[in-house]
Amino acid sequence: MKKSPNMIGYFSKFLQDKQMYSSHLSLYVALFELWERNKFRSPFSICRKEVMKLSKIKSYATYHKCIKEVQKAGFVVYLPNYNSYEGSLIEIIDYRTFGEDDVVEVQCSEYSNNETVVFSIPKFCEVELYFSERDLLSDEAEFFYSTYQTKYWKLSNNTDMKCWKSAARNWISKLKNANQTSMYEGNRS
């Protein structure tokens, strides 16, 4: 049987964040409860209705707002699934392994109050899932991940990456354009 993680550590880290309110806390407690039921597997599948019932959140808008804000704060990784027959995936971020290597702060020039956008390096399983949802092979996801991992998650102009999904969309677009060009060249000969 797997030992349960130190709950006090998780919740004390959560309570230190001034942007988290009672609705966020109740959602986090519900997610933690479901994580425990799933024997601390990561990621684990959730059902929106069950999470809303456990967290006592009645509004869909509040639920979606809270889960996105909890993810943005870096306490969970939320991988929504838009298929109503399958649950979304949640990964509780382990506060003990959360280090400086996992987060890169990027200064945003578009904000007047100099807010910083926090970029979290994705786990390979997230990238693999993202590529598979777009009907691409795991090999392509691995190539994308290893390429940006060796570049320390910087873009071609050596600027810090703000959103890995945006880079992945660009990668996929270039890949599809290259495939179409090669098909066109093959038809001409």
C-alpha atoms as a PDB file:
ATOM      1  CA  MET A   1       0.000   0.000   0.000  1.00  0.00           C
ATOM      2  CA  LYS A   2       1.331   3.411  -0.959  1.00  0.00           C
ATOM      3  CA  LYS A   3       1.937   5.840   1.878  1.00  0.00           C
ATOM      4  CA  SER A   4      -0.194   8.979   1.707  1.00  0.00           C
ATOM      5  CA  PRO A   5       1.736  12.182   1.116  1.00  0.00           C
ATOM      6  CA  ASN A   6       2.066  14.835   3.796  1.00  0.00           C
ATOM      7  CA  MET A   7      -1.260  16.661   3.467  1.00  0.00           C
ATOM      8  CA  ILE A   8      -0.194  19.514   5.718  1.00  0.00           C
ATOM      9  CA  GLY A   9       2.639  20.359   3.333  1.00  0.00           C
ATOM     10  CA  TYR A  10       0.295  20.490   0.360  1.00  0.00           C
ATOM     11  CA  PHE A  11      -2.301  22.638   2.079  1.00  0.00           C
ATOM     12  CA  SER A  12       0.152  25.000   3.788  1.00  0.00           C
ATOM     13  CA  LYS A  13       1.702  25.762   0.392  1.00  0.00           C
ATOM     14  CA  PHE A  14      -1.795  26.341  -1.000  1.00  0.00           C
ATOM     15  CA  LEU A  15      -2.875  28.593   1.881  1.00  0.00           C
ATOM     16  CA  GLN A  16       0.194  30.800   1.465  1.00  0.00           C
ATOM     17  CA  ASP A  17      -1.051  31.881  -1.968  1.00  0.00           C
ATOM     18  CA  LYS A  18      -3.012  35.120  -1.499  1.00  0.00           C
ATOM     19  CA  GLN A  19      -4.976  34.641  -4.748  1.00  0.00           C
ATOM     20  CA  MET A  20      -6.641  31.443  -3.537  1.00  0.00           C
ATOM     21  CA  TYR A  21     -10.040  31.807  -1.865  1.00  0.00           C
ATOM     22  CA  SER A  22     -12.429  29.396  -0.149  1.00  0.00           C
ATOM     23  CA  SER A  23     -13.893  28.121  -3.426  1.00  0.00           C
ATOM     24  CA  HIS A  24     -10.374  27.349  -4.672  1.00  0.00           C
ATOM     25  CA  LEU A  25      -9.570  25.588  -1.404  1.00  0.00           C
ATOM     26  CA  SER A  26     -12.728  23.461  -1.481  1.00  0.00           C
ATOM     27  CA  LEU A  27     -11.940  22.482  -5.080  1.00  0.00           C
ATOM     28  CA  TYR A  28      -8.350  21.602  -4.137  1.00  0.00           C
ATOM     29  CA  VAL A  29      -9.547  19.518  -1.169  1.00  0.00           C
ATOM     30  CA  ALA A  30     -11.975  17.671  -3.471  1.00  0.00           C
ATOM     31  CA  LEU A  31      -9.193  17.003  -5.990  1.00  0.00           C
ATOM     32  CA  PHE A  32      -6.924  15.812  -3.188  1.00  0.00           C
ATOM     33  CA  GLU A  33      -9.683  13.448  -1.980  1.00  0.00           C
ATOM     34  CA  LEU A  34     -10.089  12.022  -5.496  1.00  0.00           C
ATOM     35  CA  TRP A  35      -6.322  11.685  -5.801  1.00  0.00           C
ATOM     36  CA  GLU A  36      -6.320   9.658  -2.582  1.00  0.00           C
ATOM     37  CA  ARG A  37      -9.174   7.462  -3.887  1.00  0.00           C
ATOM     38  CA  ASN A  38      -7.057   6.826  -6.984  1.00  0.00           C
ATOM     39  CA  LYS A  39      -4.188   5.641  -4.754  1.00  0.00           C
ATOM     40  CA  PHE A  40      -2.137   8.755  -5.576  1.00  0.00           C
ATOM     41  CA  ARG A  41      -1.747   7.818  -9.238  1.00  0.00           C
ATOM     42  CA  SER A  42      -0.738  10.711 -11.393  1.00  0.00           C
ATOM     43  CA  PRO A  43      -2.417  11.809 -13.587  1.00  0.00           C
ATOM     44  CA  PHE A  44      -5.859  10.569 -12.619  1.00  0.00           C
ATOM     45  CA  SER A  45      -9.250  10.944 -14.242  1.00  0.00           C
ATOM     46  CA  ILE A  46     -11.982  13.166 -12.786  1.00  0.00           C
ATOM     47  CA  CYS A  47     -15.671  13.675 -13.436  1.00  0.00           C
ATOM     48  CA  ARG A  48     -16.831  17.300 -13.264  1.00  0.00           C
ATOM     49  CA  LYS A  49     -20.097  16.430 -11.487  1.00  0.00           C
ATOM     50  CA  GLU A  50     -18.285  14.435  -8.819  1.00  0.00           C
ATOM     51  CA  VAL A  51     -15.723  17.195  -8.227  1.00  0.00           C
ATOM     52  CA  MET A  52     -18.462  19.829  -8.032  1.00  0.00           C
ATOM     53  CA  LYS A  53     -20.411  17.715  -5.551  1.00  0.00           C
ATOM     54  CA  LEU A  54     -17.362  17.079  -3.347  1.00  0.00           C
ATOM     55  CA  SER A  55     -16.254  20.714  -3.431  1.00  0.00           C
ATOM     56  CA  LYS A  56     -19.800  22.046  -2.895  1.00  0.00           C
ATOM     57  CA  ILE A  57     -19.493  24.263  -5.973  1.00  0.00           C
ATOM     58  CA  LYS A  58     -22.889  24.680  -7.619  1.00  0.00           C
ATOM     59  CA  SER A  59     -22.020  26.806 -10.659  1.00  0.00           C
ATOM     60  CA  TYR A  60     -20.253  25.469 -13.758  1.00  0.00           C
ATOM     61  CA  ALA A  61     -18.727  28.912 -14.306  1.00  0.00           C
ATOM     62  CA  THR A  62     -17.273  28.972 -10.781  1.00  0.00           C
ATOM     63  CA  TYR A  63     -15.933  25.437 -11.199  1.00  0.00           C
ATOM     64  CA  HIS A  64     -14.180  26.258 -14.482  1.00  0.00           C
ATOM     65  CA  LYS A  65     -12.872  29.574 -13.148  1.00  0.00           C
ATOM     66  CA  CYS A  66     -11.478  27.942 -10.006  1.00  0.00           C
ATOM     67  CA  ILE A  67      -9.874  24.962 -11.732  1.00  0.00           C
ATOM     68  CA  LYS A  68      -8.170  27.225 -14.277  1.00  0.00           C
ATOM     69  CA  GLU A  69      -6.905  29.555 -11.532  1.00  0.00           C
ATOM     70  CA  VAL A  70      -5.642  26.639  -9.419  1.00  0.00           C
ATOM     71  CA  GLN A  71      -3.792  25.372 -12.498  1.00  0.00           C
ATOM     72  CA  LYS A  72      -2.429  28.839 -13.292  1.00  0.00           C
ATOM     73  CA  ALA A  73      -1.138  29.106  -9.706  1.00  0.00           C
ATOM     74  CA  GLY A  74       0.796  25.874 -10.317  1.00  0.00           C
ATOM     75  CA  PHE A  75      -0.938  23.514  -7.882  1.00  0.00           C
ATOM     76  CA  VAL A  76      -2.378  21.135 -10.493  1.00  0.00           C
ATOM     77  CA  VAL A  77      -1.995  20.244 -14.140  1.00  0.00           C
ATOM     78  CA  TYR A  78      -5.461  20.156 -15.689  1.00  0.00           C
ATOM     79  CA  LEU A  79      -5.879  18.361 -19.004  1.00  0.00           C
ATOM     80  CA  PRO A  80      -9.498  18.866 -20.042  1.00  0.00           C
ATOM     81  CA  ASN A  81     -11.168  16.237 -22.169  1.00  0.00           C
ATOM     82  CA  TYR A  82     -13.977  17.539 -24.322  1.00  0.00           C
ATOM     83  CA  ASN A  83     -15.458  14.069 -24.785  1.00  0.00           C
ATOM     84  CA  SER A  84     -18.378  13.864 -22.345  1.00  0.00           C
ATOM     85  CA  TYR A  85     -17.913  10.093 -21.929  1.00  0.00           C
ATOM     86  CA  GLU A  86     -14.339  10.336 -20.700  1.00  0.00           C
ATOM     87  CA  GLY A  87     -13.078  12.253 -17.696  1.00  0.00           C
ATOM     88  CA  SER A  88     -10.512  15.017 -17.731  1.00  0.00           C
ATOM     89  CA  LEU A  89      -7.068  14.335 -16.315  1.00  0.00           C
ATOM     90  CA  ILE A  90      -5.630  16.016 -13.226  1.00  0.00           C
ATOM     91  CA  GLU A  91      -2.140  15.841 -11.840  1.00  0.00           C
ATOM     92  CA  ILE A  92      -1.482  17.235  -8.363  1.00  0.00           C
ATOM     93  CA  ILE A  93       1.883  18.998  -8.386  1.00  0.00           C
ATOM     94  CA  ASP A  94       4.179  17.601  -5.720  1.00  0.00           C
ATOM     95  CA  TYR A  95       5.295  20.595  -3.662  1.00  0.00           C
ATOM     96  CA  ARG A  96       8.436  18.720  -2.539  1.00  0.00           C
ATOM     97  CA  THR A  97       9.817  18.353  -6.059  1.00  0.00           C
ATOM     98  CA  PHE A  98       8.678  21.785  -7.186  1.00  0.00           C
ATOM     99  CA  GLY A  99      11.978  23.521  -7.795  1.00  0.00           C
ATOM    100  CA  GLU A 100      13.531  26.348  -9.722  1.00  0.00           C
ATOM    101  CA  ASP A 101      14.120  24.101 -12.724  1.00  0.00           C
ATOM    102  CA  ASP A 102      10.391  23.616 -13.225  1.00  0.00           C
ATOM    103  CA  VAL A 103       9.363  27.250 -13.462  1.00  0.00           C
ATOM    104  CA  VAL A 104      10.668  29.970 -15.705  1.00  0.00           C
ATOM    105  CA  GLU A 105       9.487  33.522 -15.137  1.00  0.00           C
ATOM    106  CA  VAL A 106       9.001  35.576 -18.270  1.00  0.00           C
ATOM    107  CA  GLN A 107       8.572  39.351 -18.202  1.00  0.00           C
ATOM    108  CA  CYS A 108       5.522  40.445 -20.212  1.00  0.00           C
ATOM    109  CA  SER A 109       5.894  43.760 -22.024  1.00  0.00           C
ATOM    110  CA  GLU A 110       2.211  43.891 -22.968  1.00  0.00           C
ATOM    111  CA  TYR A 111       1.137  44.486 -19.370  1.00  0.00           C
ATOM    112  CA  SER A 112       1.555  47.952 -17.962  1.00  0.00           C
ATOM    113  CA  ASN A 113       2.005  46.787 -14.366  1.00  0.00           C
ATOM    114  CA  ASN A 114       4.955  44.496 -15.268  1.00  0.00           C
ATOM    115  CA  GLU A 115       3.206  41.231 -14.366  1.00  0.00           C
ATOM    116  CA  THR A 116       5.267  38.118 -14.830  1.00  0.00           C
ATOM    117  CA  VAL A 117       3.935  35.107 -16.663  1.00  0.00           C
ATOM    118  CA  VAL A 118       5.057  31.836 -15.133  1.00  0.00           C
ATOM    119  CA  PHE A 119       5.973  29.171 -17.662  1.00  0.00           C
ATOM    120  CA  SER A 120       5.912  25.617 -16.364  1.00  0.00           C
ATOM    121  CA  ILE A 121       7.945  23.062 -18.242  1.00  0.00           C
ATOM    122  CA  PRO A 122       5.470  20.411 -19.377  1.00  0.00           C
ATOM    123  CA  LYS A 123       5.807  16.764 -18.518  1.00  0.00           C
ATOM    124  CA  PHE A 124       6.368  14.457 -21.479  1.00  0.00           C
ATOM    125  CA  CYS A 125       3.001  12.743 -20.894  1.00  0.00           C
ATOM    126  CA  GLU A 126       1.249  16.121 -21.390  1.00  0.00           C
ATOM    127  CA  VAL A 127       3.045  16.723 -24.687  1.00  0.00           C
ATOM    128  CA  GLU A 128       2.391  13.158 -25.813  1.00  0.00           C
ATOM    129  CA  LEU A 129      -1.322  13.510 -25.003  1.00  0.00           C
ATOM    130  CA  TYR A 130      -1.476  16.849 -26.836  1.00  0.00           C
ATOM    131  CA  PHE A 131       0.078  15.340 -29.970  1.00  0.00           C
ATOM    132  CA  SER A 132      -2.058  12.177 -29.835  1.00  0.00           C
ATOM    133  CA  GLU A 133      -5.223  14.303 -29.588  1.00  0.00           C
ATOM    134  CA  ARG A 134      -4.163  15.778 -32.929  1.00  0.00           C
ATOM    135  CA  ASP A 135      -3.621  12.326 -34.478  1.00  0.00           C
ATOM    136  CA  LEU A 136       0.165  12.516 -34.453  1.00  0.00           C
ATOM    137  CA  LEU A 137       2.594   9.800 -33.446  1.00  0.00           C
ATOM    138  CA  SER A 138       4.298   9.625 -30.086  1.00  0.00           C
ATOM    139  CA  ASP A 139       7.644   9.829 -31.927  1.00  0.00           C
ATOM    140  CA  GLU A 140       6.781  13.332 -33.110  1.00  0.00           C
ATOM    141  CA  ALA A 141       5.880  14.383 -29.562  1.00  0.00           C
ATOM    142  CA  GLU A 142       9.172  12.947 -28.334  1.00  0.00           C
ATOM    143  CA  PHE A 143      11.104  14.821 -31.035  1.00  0.00           C
ATOM    144  CA  PHE A 144       9.320  18.093 -30.118  1.00  0.00           C
ATOM    145  CA  TYR A 145       9.952  17.563 -26.398  1.00  0.00           C
ATOM    146  CA  SER A 146      13.629  16.647 -26.746  1.00  0.00           C
ATOM    147  CA  THR A 147      14.257  19.526 -29.167  1.00  0.00           C
ATOM    148  CA  TYR A 148      12.900  22.145 -26.782  1.00  0.00           C
ATOM    149  CA  GLN A 149      14.389  20.408 -23.745  1.00  0.00           C
ATOM    150  CA  THR A 150      17.874  20.784 -25.255  1.00  0.00           C
ATOM    151  CA  LYS A 151      17.119  24.447 -26.029  1.00  0.00           C
ATOM    152  CA  TYR A 152      16.082  25.003 -22.378  1.00  0.00           C
ATOM    153  CA  TRP A 153      12.561  25.809 -23.613  1.00  0.00           C
ATOM    154  CA  LYS A 154      13.667  28.860 -25.581  1.00  0.00           C
ATOM    155  CA  LEU A 155      12.327  29.822 -28.989  1.00  0.00           C
ATOM    156  CA  SER A 156      14.427  30.105 -32.151  1.00  0.00           C
ATOM    157  CA  ASN A 157      15.081  33.818 -31.505  1.00  0.00           C
ATOM    158  CA  ASN A 158      16.443  32.836 -28.045  1.00  0.00           C
ATOM    159  CA  THR A 159      13.489  34.338 -26.151  1.00  0.00           C
ATOM    160  CA  ASP A 160      11.863  32.487 -23.283  1.00  0.00           C
ATOM    161  CA  MET A 161       8.864  30.363 -24.174  1.00  0.00           C
ATOM    162  CA  LYS A 162       5.554  31.598 -22.743  1.00  0.00           C
ATOM    163  CA  CYS A 163       3.274  28.742 -23.819  1.00  0.00           C
ATOM    164  CA  TRP A 164       4.467  25.317 -24.933  1.00  0.00           C
ATOM    165  CA  LYS A 165       1.097  24.553 -26.554  1.00  0.00           C
ATOM    166  CA  SER A 166       1.545  27.523 -28.864  1.00  0.00           C
ATOM    167  CA  ALA A 167       4.981  26.222 -29.853  1.00  0.00           C
ATOM    168  CA  ALA A 168       3.470  22.756 -30.374  1.00  0.00           C
ATOM    169  CA  ARG A 169       0.724  24.174 -32.624  1.00  0.00           C
ATOM    170  CA  ASN A 170       3.379  25.952 -34.676  1.00  0.00           C
ATOM    171  CA  TRP A 171       5.448  22.736 -34.831  1.00  0.00           C
ATOM    172  CA  ILE A 172       2.412  20.715 -35.968  1.00  0.00           C
ATOM    173  CA  SER A 173       1.484  23.341 -38.559  1.00  0.00           C
ATOM    174  CA  LYS A 174       4.992  23.264 -40.055  1.00  0.00           C
ATOM    175  CA  LEU A 175       4.944  19.465 -39.996  1.00  0.00           C
ATOM    176  CA  LYS A 176       1.627  19.320 -41.866  1.00  0.00           C
ATOM    177  CA  ASN A 177       2.803  21.927 -44.401  1.00  0.00           C
ATOM    178  CA  ALA A 178       5.975  19.913 -45.023  1.00  0.00           C
ATOM    179  CA  ASN A 179       3.902  16.746 -45.520  1.00  0.00           C
ATOM    180  CA  GLN A 180       1.571  18.508 -47.967  1.00  0.00           C
ATOM    181  CA  THR A 181       4.516  19.937 -49.901  1.00  0.00           C
ATOM    182  CA  SER A 182       6.158  16.522 -50.174  1.00  0.00           C
ATOM    183  CA  MET A 183       2.849  15.003 -51.330  1.00  0.00           C
ATOM    184  CA  TYR A 184       2.501  17.770 -53.934  1.00  0.00           C
ATOM    185  CA  GLU A 185       6.076  17.246 -55.138  1.00  0.00           C
ATOM    186  CA  GLY A 186       5.432  13.488 -55.351  1.00  0.00           C
ATOM    187  CA  ASN A 187       2.312  14.019 -57.497  1.00  0.00           C
ATOM    188  CA  ARG A 188       4.161  16.297 -59.943  1.00  0.00           C
ATOM    189  CA  SER A 189       6.779  13.693 -60.878  1.00  0.00           C
END
